[in-house]
């Protein structure tokens, strides 16, 4: 059981890092200026760090709940992990915007580029987590004959 918790924690950290790199890369990284300009490289790594922290902070509680459910009910589906990651990240991005909107306005919430990047990062997070830990969800409970 302790070994499984370590695998889950490591998978969460690696998936957060990969999602952070996705957040830094997806919005149009210009590779030609990236390789030549030190400032652009520094900016990229700052965005990657911010994306990693955003992913870890936004996703820790909802994903803890999803991990508990997956481990309890042995939910190992790739589709479930990918959709769960995308929904958690998208909700984490959109939820503060609901708080900012006043009740009197009737404007609709539009899906922006940033929301799409958050959803893509969630898909990447879910895939990496599934690859490292989700495929074996609930395996620690298997009875040995």
N, C-alpha and C. Protein backbone atom coordinates (compact mmCIF):
# COMPACT_ATOMS: atom_id res chain seq x y z
N UNK A 1 0.82 -1.20 0.00
CA UNK A 1 0.00 0.00 0.00
C UNK A 1 0.87 1.26 0.00
N UNK A 2 1.92 1.26 0.80
CA UNK A 2 2.80 2.42 0.86
C UNK A 2 3.52 2.63 -0.47
N UNK A 3 3.90 1.53 -1.11
CA UNK A 3 4.55 1.62 -2.41
C UNK A 3 3.58 2.21 -3.45
N UNK A 4 2.33 1.84 -3.37
CA UNK A 4 1.32 2.36 -4.30
C UNK A 4 1.13 3.87 -4.10
N UNK A 5 1.11 4.33 -2.86
CA UNK A 5 0.99 5.76 -2.58
C UNK A 5 2.18 6.53 -3.15
N UNK A 6 3.37 5.96 -3.06
CA UNK A 6 4.56 6.60 -3.63
C UNK A 6 4.45 6.69 -5.15
N UNK A 7 3.93 5.64 -5.78
CA UNK A 7 3.75 5.65 -7.24
C UNK A 7 2.73 6.72 -7.63
N UNK A 8 1.64 6.82 -6.88
CA UNK A 8 0.61 7.82 -7.17
C UNK A 8 1.18 9.23 -7.04
N UNK A 9 1.93 9.48 -5.98
CA UNK A 9 2.52 10.80 -5.77
C UNK A 9 3.52 11.15 -6.87
N UNK A 10 4.37 10.20 -7.22
CA UNK A 10 5.34 10.42 -8.29
C UNK A 10 4.64 10.66 -9.62
N UNK A 11 3.60 9.89 -9.91
CA UNK A 11 2.85 10.07 -11.15
C UNK A 11 2.18 11.44 -11.19
N UNK A 12 1.66 11.90 -10.05
CA UNK A 12 1.05 13.22 -9.99
C UNK A 12 2.08 14.31 -10.26
N UNK A 13 3.26 14.19 -9.68
CA UNK A 13 4.31 15.19 -9.88
C UNK A 13 4.80 15.22 -11.32
N UNK A 14 5.02 14.06 -11.90
CA UNK A 14 5.48 13.99 -13.29
C UNK A 14 4.40 14.51 -14.23
N UNK A 15 3.15 14.11 -14.00
CA UNK A 15 2.06 14.57 -14.86
C UNK A 15 1.88 16.09 -14.74
N UNK A 16 2.04 16.64 -13.54
CA UNK A 16 1.97 18.10 -13.37
C UNK A 16 3.08 18.79 -14.14
N UNK A 17 4.27 18.23 -14.11
CA UNK A 17 5.39 18.82 -14.83
C UNK A 17 5.17 18.78 -16.34
N UNK A 18 4.69 17.67 -16.84
CA UNK A 18 4.44 17.55 -18.28
C UNK A 18 3.30 18.49 -18.70
N UNK A 19 2.28 18.61 -17.86
CA UNK A 19 1.19 19.55 -18.16
C UNK A 19 1.72 20.99 -18.15
N UNK A 20 2.63 21.30 -17.24
CA UNK A 20 3.24 22.63 -17.22
C UNK A 20 4.04 22.90 -18.48
N UNK A 21 4.77 21.91 -18.94
CA UNK A 21 5.49 22.07 -20.21
C UNK A 21 4.52 22.24 -21.38
N UNK A 22 3.39 21.57 -21.31
CA UNK A 22 2.37 21.72 -22.35
C UNK A 22 1.82 23.13 -22.35
N UNK A 23 1.53 23.67 -21.17
CA UNK A 23 1.02 25.04 -21.07
C UNK A 23 2.02 26.03 -21.64
N UNK A 24 3.31 25.78 -21.43
CA UNK A 24 4.34 26.69 -21.94
C UNK A 24 4.56 26.52 -23.44
N UNK A 25 4.31 25.34 -23.98
CA UNK A 25 4.63 25.05 -25.37
C UNK A 25 3.48 25.32 -26.33
N UNK A 26 2.28 24.98 -25.96
CA UNK A 26 1.14 25.01 -26.89
C UNK A 26 0.86 26.38 -27.49
N UNK A 27 0.88 27.49 -26.72
CA UNK A 27 0.48 28.76 -27.32
C UNK A 27 1.48 29.35 -28.31
N UNK A 28 2.08 28.58 -29.14
CA UNK A 28 2.88 29.10 -30.24
C UNK A 28 4.33 29.39 -29.90
N UNK A 29 5.07 28.37 -29.56
CA UNK A 29 6.49 28.54 -29.31
C UNK A 29 7.22 28.66 -30.64
N UNK A 30 7.94 29.73 -30.83
CA UNK A 30 8.71 29.95 -32.06
C UNK A 30 10.10 29.34 -31.86
N UNK A 31 10.32 28.17 -32.42
CA UNK A 31 11.55 27.42 -32.15
C UNK A 31 12.79 28.12 -32.69
N UNK A 32 12.65 28.90 -33.74
CA UNK A 32 13.83 29.57 -34.30
C UNK A 32 14.35 30.64 -33.35
N UNK A 33 13.47 31.45 -32.79
CA UNK A 33 13.94 32.46 -31.84
C UNK A 33 14.23 31.84 -30.49
N UNK A 34 13.58 30.73 -30.19
CA UNK A 34 13.80 30.06 -28.91
C UNK A 34 15.23 29.57 -28.78
N UNK A 35 15.78 29.00 -29.81
CA UNK A 35 17.13 28.45 -29.74
C UNK A 35 18.20 29.53 -29.73
N UNK A 36 17.89 30.71 -30.24
CA UNK A 36 18.90 31.76 -30.34
C UNK A 36 18.82 32.80 -29.22
N UNK A 37 17.69 32.93 -28.59
CA UNK A 37 17.48 34.02 -27.64
C UNK A 37 17.41 33.48 -26.20
N UNK A 38 18.31 33.93 -25.35
CA UNK A 38 18.35 33.50 -23.96
C UNK A 38 17.11 33.98 -23.21
N UNK A 39 16.64 35.16 -23.52
CA UNK A 39 15.46 35.71 -22.86
C UNK A 39 14.23 34.85 -23.16
N UNK A 40 14.09 34.39 -24.39
CA UNK A 40 12.95 33.53 -24.75
C UNK A 40 13.02 32.19 -24.03
N UNK A 41 14.22 31.65 -23.88
CA UNK A 41 14.35 30.39 -23.14
C UNK A 41 13.98 30.57 -21.68
N UNK A 42 14.42 31.67 -21.09
CA UNK A 42 14.08 31.95 -19.70
C UNK A 42 12.58 32.14 -19.55
N UNK A 43 11.99 32.85 -20.48
CA UNK A 43 10.55 33.06 -20.47
C UNK A 43 9.81 31.73 -20.61
N UNK A 44 10.29 30.84 -21.45
CA UNK A 44 9.67 29.52 -21.62
C UNK A 44 9.68 28.75 -20.31
N UNK A 45 10.84 28.71 -19.63
CA UNK A 45 10.93 27.96 -18.39
C UNK A 45 10.11 28.60 -17.27
N UNK A 46 9.98 29.93 -17.29
CA UNK A 46 9.09 30.58 -16.33
C UNK A 46 7.64 30.17 -16.58
N UNK A 47 7.23 30.12 -17.85
CA UNK A 47 5.88 29.67 -18.18
C UNK A 47 5.68 28.20 -17.79
N UNK A 48 6.70 27.39 -18.01
CA UNK A 48 6.60 25.97 -17.65
C UNK A 48 6.46 25.81 -16.13
N UNK A 49 7.21 26.58 -15.37
CA UNK A 49 7.11 26.52 -13.91
C UNK A 49 5.73 26.99 -13.46
N UNK A 50 5.25 28.09 -14.02
CA UNK A 50 3.92 28.57 -13.68
C UNK A 50 2.87 27.52 -14.04
N UNK A 51 2.98 26.91 -15.21
CA UNK A 51 2.02 25.89 -15.62
C UNK A 51 2.04 24.68 -14.71
N UNK A 52 3.23 24.29 -14.27
CA UNK A 52 3.35 23.16 -13.35
C UNK A 52 2.70 23.49 -12.01
N UNK A 53 2.98 24.67 -11.49
CA UNK A 53 2.38 25.08 -10.22
C UNK A 53 0.86 25.23 -10.35
N UNK A 54 0.40 25.81 -11.47
CA UNK A 54 -1.03 25.95 -11.71
C UNK A 54 -1.69 24.58 -11.72
N UNK A 55 -1.09 23.65 -12.43
CA UNK A 55 -1.65 22.30 -12.51
C UNK A 55 -1.70 21.64 -11.15
N UNK A 56 -0.60 21.72 -10.42
CA UNK A 56 -0.54 21.06 -9.11
C UNK A 56 -1.52 21.69 -8.12
N UNK A 57 -1.62 23.01 -8.10
CA UNK A 57 -2.49 23.68 -7.14
C UNK A 57 -3.96 23.48 -7.49
N UNK A 58 -4.29 23.65 -8.76
CA UNK A 58 -5.68 23.53 -9.18
C UNK A 58 -6.16 22.09 -9.08
N UNK A 59 -5.29 21.16 -9.40
CA UNK A 59 -5.72 19.77 -9.57
C UNK A 59 -5.59 18.91 -8.32
N UNK A 60 -4.92 19.36 -7.29
CA UNK A 60 -4.61 18.46 -6.18
C UNK A 60 -5.86 17.89 -5.50
N UNK A 61 -6.80 18.72 -5.12
CA UNK A 61 -7.98 18.21 -4.40
C UNK A 61 -8.94 17.43 -5.29
N UNK A 62 -9.32 17.96 -6.47
CA UNK A 62 -10.22 17.15 -7.31
C UNK A 62 -9.57 15.85 -7.77
N UNK A 63 -8.30 15.89 -8.07
CA UNK A 63 -7.65 14.66 -8.52
C UNK A 63 -7.43 13.68 -7.39
N UNK A 64 -7.26 14.18 -6.18
CA UNK A 64 -7.19 13.29 -5.02
C UNK A 64 -8.49 12.51 -4.89
N UNK A 65 -9.60 13.20 -5.07
CA UNK A 65 -10.90 12.53 -5.04
C UNK A 65 -11.01 11.51 -6.18
N UNK A 66 -10.58 11.89 -7.38
CA UNK A 66 -10.65 10.97 -8.52
C UNK A 66 -9.72 9.77 -8.33
N UNK A 67 -8.55 9.99 -7.74
CA UNK A 67 -7.63 8.87 -7.48
C UNK A 67 -8.24 7.91 -6.47
N UNK A 68 -8.85 8.44 -5.43
CA UNK A 68 -9.50 7.58 -4.43
C UNK A 68 -10.60 6.75 -5.09
N UNK A 69 -11.41 7.39 -5.93
CA UNK A 69 -12.46 6.65 -6.63
C UNK A 69 -11.89 5.59 -7.57
N UNK A 70 -10.85 5.97 -8.33
CA UNK A 70 -10.24 5.02 -9.27
C UNK A 70 -9.61 3.84 -8.53
N UNK A 71 -8.94 4.10 -7.42
CA UNK A 71 -8.31 3.01 -6.67
C UNK A 71 -9.36 2.13 -6.00
N UNK A 72 -10.43 2.73 -5.50
CA UNK A 72 -11.47 1.97 -4.81
C UNK A 72 -12.24 1.07 -5.77
N UNK A 73 -12.62 1.63 -6.92
CA UNK A 73 -13.45 0.88 -7.85
C UNK A 73 -12.66 0.29 -9.02
N UNK A 74 -11.34 0.35 -8.94
CA UNK A 74 -10.45 -0.20 -9.97
C UNK A 74 -10.77 0.34 -11.37
N UNK A 75 -10.93 1.65 -11.44
CA UNK A 75 -11.21 2.31 -12.71
C UNK A 75 -9.89 2.57 -13.44
N UNK A 76 -9.67 1.86 -14.52
CA UNK A 76 -8.39 1.91 -15.22
C UNK A 76 -8.50 2.46 -16.64
N UNK A 77 -9.62 3.00 -16.99
CA UNK A 77 -9.87 3.44 -18.36
C UNK A 77 -9.03 4.67 -18.72
N UNK A 78 -8.37 4.60 -19.86
CA UNK A 78 -7.61 5.74 -20.36
C UNK A 78 -8.55 6.92 -20.63
N UNK A 79 -9.69 6.63 -21.23
CA UNK A 79 -10.65 7.68 -21.54
C UNK A 79 -11.12 8.39 -20.26
N UNK A 80 -11.36 7.65 -19.22
CA UNK A 80 -11.79 8.24 -17.95
C UNK A 80 -10.71 9.16 -17.38
N UNK A 81 -9.46 8.75 -17.41
CA UNK A 81 -8.37 9.57 -16.88
C UNK A 81 -8.16 10.83 -17.71
N UNK A 82 -8.23 10.69 -19.03
CA UNK A 82 -8.02 11.84 -19.92
C UNK A 82 -9.16 12.84 -19.77
N UNK A 83 -10.39 12.36 -19.77
CA UNK A 83 -11.53 13.26 -19.60
C UNK A 83 -11.55 13.90 -18.21
N UNK A 84 -11.20 13.12 -17.20
CA UNK A 84 -11.13 13.67 -15.85
C UNK A 84 -10.09 14.78 -15.75
N UNK A 85 -8.92 14.55 -16.32
CA UNK A 85 -7.88 15.57 -16.31
C UNK A 85 -8.30 16.83 -17.05
N UNK A 86 -8.92 16.65 -18.21
CA UNK A 86 -9.36 17.80 -19.00
C UNK A 86 -10.44 18.59 -18.26
N UNK A 87 -11.40 17.90 -17.67
CA UNK A 87 -12.47 18.59 -16.96
C UNK A 87 -11.96 19.31 -15.72
N UNK A 88 -11.06 18.69 -14.99
CA UNK A 88 -10.50 19.34 -13.80
C UNK A 88 -9.74 20.60 -14.17
N UNK A 89 -8.89 20.51 -15.18
CA UNK A 89 -8.10 21.69 -15.60
C UNK A 89 -9.00 22.76 -16.20
N UNK A 90 -9.96 22.39 -17.01
CA UNK A 90 -10.86 23.37 -17.60
C UNK A 90 -11.70 24.04 -16.52
N UNK A 91 -12.21 23.28 -15.58
CA UNK A 91 -12.97 23.86 -14.48
C UNK A 91 -12.07 24.76 -13.62
N UNK A 92 -10.84 24.34 -13.40
CA UNK A 92 -9.91 25.16 -12.63
C UNK A 92 -9.59 26.48 -13.31
N UNK A 93 -9.64 26.48 -14.62
CA UNK A 93 -9.40 27.73 -15.34
C UNK A 93 -10.65 28.60 -15.39
N UNK A 94 -11.81 27.99 -15.61
CA UNK A 94 -13.04 28.74 -15.82
C UNK A 94 -13.70 29.16 -14.51
N UNK A 95 -13.58 28.40 -13.45
CA UNK A 95 -14.28 28.68 -12.19
C UNK A 95 -14.03 30.09 -11.65
N UNK A 96 -12.81 30.60 -11.64
CA UNK A 96 -12.64 31.97 -11.13
C UNK A 96 -13.35 33.01 -12.00
N UNK A 97 -13.55 32.74 -13.26
CA UNK A 97 -14.25 33.69 -14.13
C UNK A 97 -15.73 33.79 -13.77
N UNK A 98 -16.30 32.70 -13.26
CA UNK A 98 -17.69 32.76 -12.81
C UNK A 98 -17.83 33.68 -11.61
N UNK A 99 -16.85 33.66 -10.73
CA UNK A 99 -16.89 34.53 -9.55
C UNK A 99 -16.75 35.99 -9.95
N UNK A 100 -16.02 36.29 -11.02
CA UNK A 100 -15.80 37.67 -11.45
C UNK A 100 -17.03 38.27 -12.11
N UNK A 101 -17.82 37.44 -12.77
CA UNK A 101 -18.99 37.96 -13.48
C UNK A 101 -20.05 38.41 -12.49
N UNK A 102 -20.66 39.51 -12.79
CA UNK A 102 -21.75 39.96 -11.92
C UNK A 102 -23.03 39.27 -12.34
N UNK A 103 -23.96 39.22 -11.42
CA UNK A 103 -25.22 38.55 -11.69
C UNK A 103 -26.05 39.36 -12.69
N UNK A 104 -25.87 40.66 -12.70
CA UNK A 104 -26.68 41.53 -13.56
C UNK A 104 -26.33 41.40 -15.04
N UNK A 105 -25.13 40.97 -15.36
CA UNK A 105 -24.76 40.88 -16.76
C UNK A 105 -25.30 39.61 -17.37
N UNK A 106 -25.51 39.66 -18.65
CA UNK A 106 -26.03 38.49 -19.35
C UNK A 106 -25.03 37.97 -20.38
N UNK A 107 -23.77 38.33 -20.22
CA UNK A 107 -22.79 37.87 -21.18
C UNK A 107 -22.50 36.38 -20.97
N UNK A 108 -22.26 35.72 -22.07
CA UNK A 108 -21.98 34.30 -22.02
C UNK A 108 -20.49 34.08 -21.87
N UNK A 109 -20.16 32.99 -21.24
CA UNK A 109 -18.75 32.64 -21.07
C UNK A 109 -18.25 32.02 -22.37
N UNK A 110 -17.27 32.64 -22.98
CA UNK A 110 -16.74 32.10 -24.23
C UNK A 110 -15.50 31.26 -23.93
N UNK A 111 -15.26 30.29 -24.77
CA UNK A 111 -14.09 29.45 -24.62
C UNK A 111 -12.93 30.17 -25.30
N UNK A 112 -11.98 30.58 -24.52
CA UNK A 112 -10.85 31.32 -25.06
C UNK A 112 -9.69 30.37 -25.37
N UNK A 113 -8.66 30.93 -25.93
CA UNK A 113 -7.47 30.14 -26.22
C UNK A 113 -6.87 29.59 -24.93
N UNK A 114 -6.88 30.40 -23.88
CA UNK A 114 -6.31 29.95 -22.60
C UNK A 114 -7.09 28.77 -22.04
N UNK A 115 -8.42 28.79 -22.19
CA UNK A 115 -9.23 27.68 -21.72
C UNK A 115 -8.93 26.41 -22.52
N UNK A 116 -8.73 26.57 -23.82
CA UNK A 116 -8.38 25.42 -24.65
C UNK A 116 -7.02 24.86 -24.26
N UNK A 117 -6.07 25.74 -23.95
CA UNK A 117 -4.75 25.29 -23.51
C UNK A 117 -4.87 24.55 -22.18
N UNK A 118 -5.71 25.05 -21.28
CA UNK A 118 -5.92 24.37 -20.00
C UNK A 118 -6.52 22.98 -20.21
N UNK A 119 -7.47 22.87 -21.13
CA UNK A 119 -8.07 21.57 -21.42
C UNK A 119 -7.05 20.61 -22.03
N UNK A 120 -6.23 21.10 -22.94
CA UNK A 120 -5.18 20.26 -23.54
C UNK A 120 -4.18 19.81 -22.47
N UNK A 121 -3.81 20.72 -21.59
CA UNK A 121 -2.90 20.36 -20.50
C UNK A 121 -3.54 19.31 -19.60
N UNK A 122 -4.84 19.40 -19.39
CA UNK A 122 -5.54 18.39 -18.60
C UNK A 122 -5.54 17.03 -19.27
N UNK A 123 -5.71 17.02 -20.59
CA UNK A 123 -5.65 15.76 -21.35
C UNK A 123 -4.26 15.14 -21.21
N UNK A 124 -3.24 15.97 -21.36
CA UNK A 124 -1.86 15.48 -21.22
C UNK A 124 -1.62 14.98 -19.80
N UNK A 125 -2.11 15.74 -18.81
CA UNK A 125 -1.97 15.31 -17.42
C UNK A 125 -2.63 13.95 -17.21
N UNK A 126 -3.87 13.81 -17.68
CA UNK A 126 -4.58 12.55 -17.51
C UNK A 126 -3.89 11.38 -18.19
N UNK A 127 -3.34 11.62 -19.38
CA UNK A 127 -2.65 10.55 -20.10
C UNK A 127 -1.37 10.14 -19.37
N UNK A 128 -0.58 11.11 -18.94
CA UNK A 128 0.68 10.78 -18.25
C UNK A 128 0.38 10.09 -16.92
N UNK A 129 -0.62 10.57 -16.20
CA UNK A 129 -0.97 9.93 -14.92
C UNK A 129 -1.44 8.50 -15.17
N UNK A 130 -2.27 8.30 -16.19
CA UNK A 130 -2.75 6.96 -16.50
C UNK A 130 -1.58 6.05 -16.87
N UNK A 131 -0.64 6.59 -17.65
CA UNK A 131 0.50 5.81 -18.10
C UNK A 131 1.35 5.34 -16.92
N UNK A 132 1.53 6.22 -15.93
CA UNK A 132 2.40 5.90 -14.80
C UNK A 132 1.68 5.19 -13.66
N UNK A 133 0.44 5.55 -13.38
CA UNK A 133 -0.23 4.97 -12.21
C UNK A 133 -1.65 4.48 -12.48
N UNK A 134 -2.35 5.11 -13.38
CA UNK A 134 -3.76 4.79 -13.58
C UNK A 134 -4.05 3.42 -14.17
N UNK A 135 -3.12 2.89 -14.94
CA UNK A 135 -3.33 1.57 -15.54
C UNK A 135 -3.41 0.48 -14.50
N UNK A 136 -2.81 0.72 -13.34
CA UNK A 136 -2.78 -0.29 -12.28
C UNK A 136 -3.67 0.08 -11.10
N UNK A 137 -4.66 0.94 -11.34
CA UNK A 137 -5.54 1.39 -10.26
C UNK A 137 -6.24 0.20 -9.61
N UNK A 138 -6.15 0.12 -8.33
CA UNK A 138 -6.80 -0.95 -7.58
C UNK A 138 -6.09 -2.27 -7.60
N UNK A 139 -4.95 -2.37 -8.28
CA UNK A 139 -4.24 -3.65 -8.37
C UNK A 139 -3.71 -4.10 -7.02
N UNK A 140 -3.46 -3.17 -6.14
CA UNK A 140 -2.94 -3.52 -4.81
C UNK A 140 -3.97 -4.32 -4.01
N UNK A 141 -5.25 -4.25 -4.41
CA UNK A 141 -6.31 -4.95 -3.68
C UNK A 141 -6.53 -6.36 -4.20
N UNK A 142 -5.87 -6.73 -5.26
CA UNK A 142 -6.08 -8.04 -5.88
C UNK A 142 -5.69 -9.14 -4.91
N UNK A 143 -6.51 -10.14 -4.85
CA UNK A 143 -6.21 -11.30 -3.99
C UNK A 143 -5.24 -12.22 -4.68
N UNK A 144 -4.34 -12.72 -3.92
CA UNK A 144 -3.38 -13.67 -4.49
C UNK A 144 -3.78 -15.09 -4.08
N UNK A 145 -3.80 -15.96 -5.07
CA UNK A 145 -4.24 -17.33 -4.82
C UNK A 145 -3.08 -18.24 -4.49
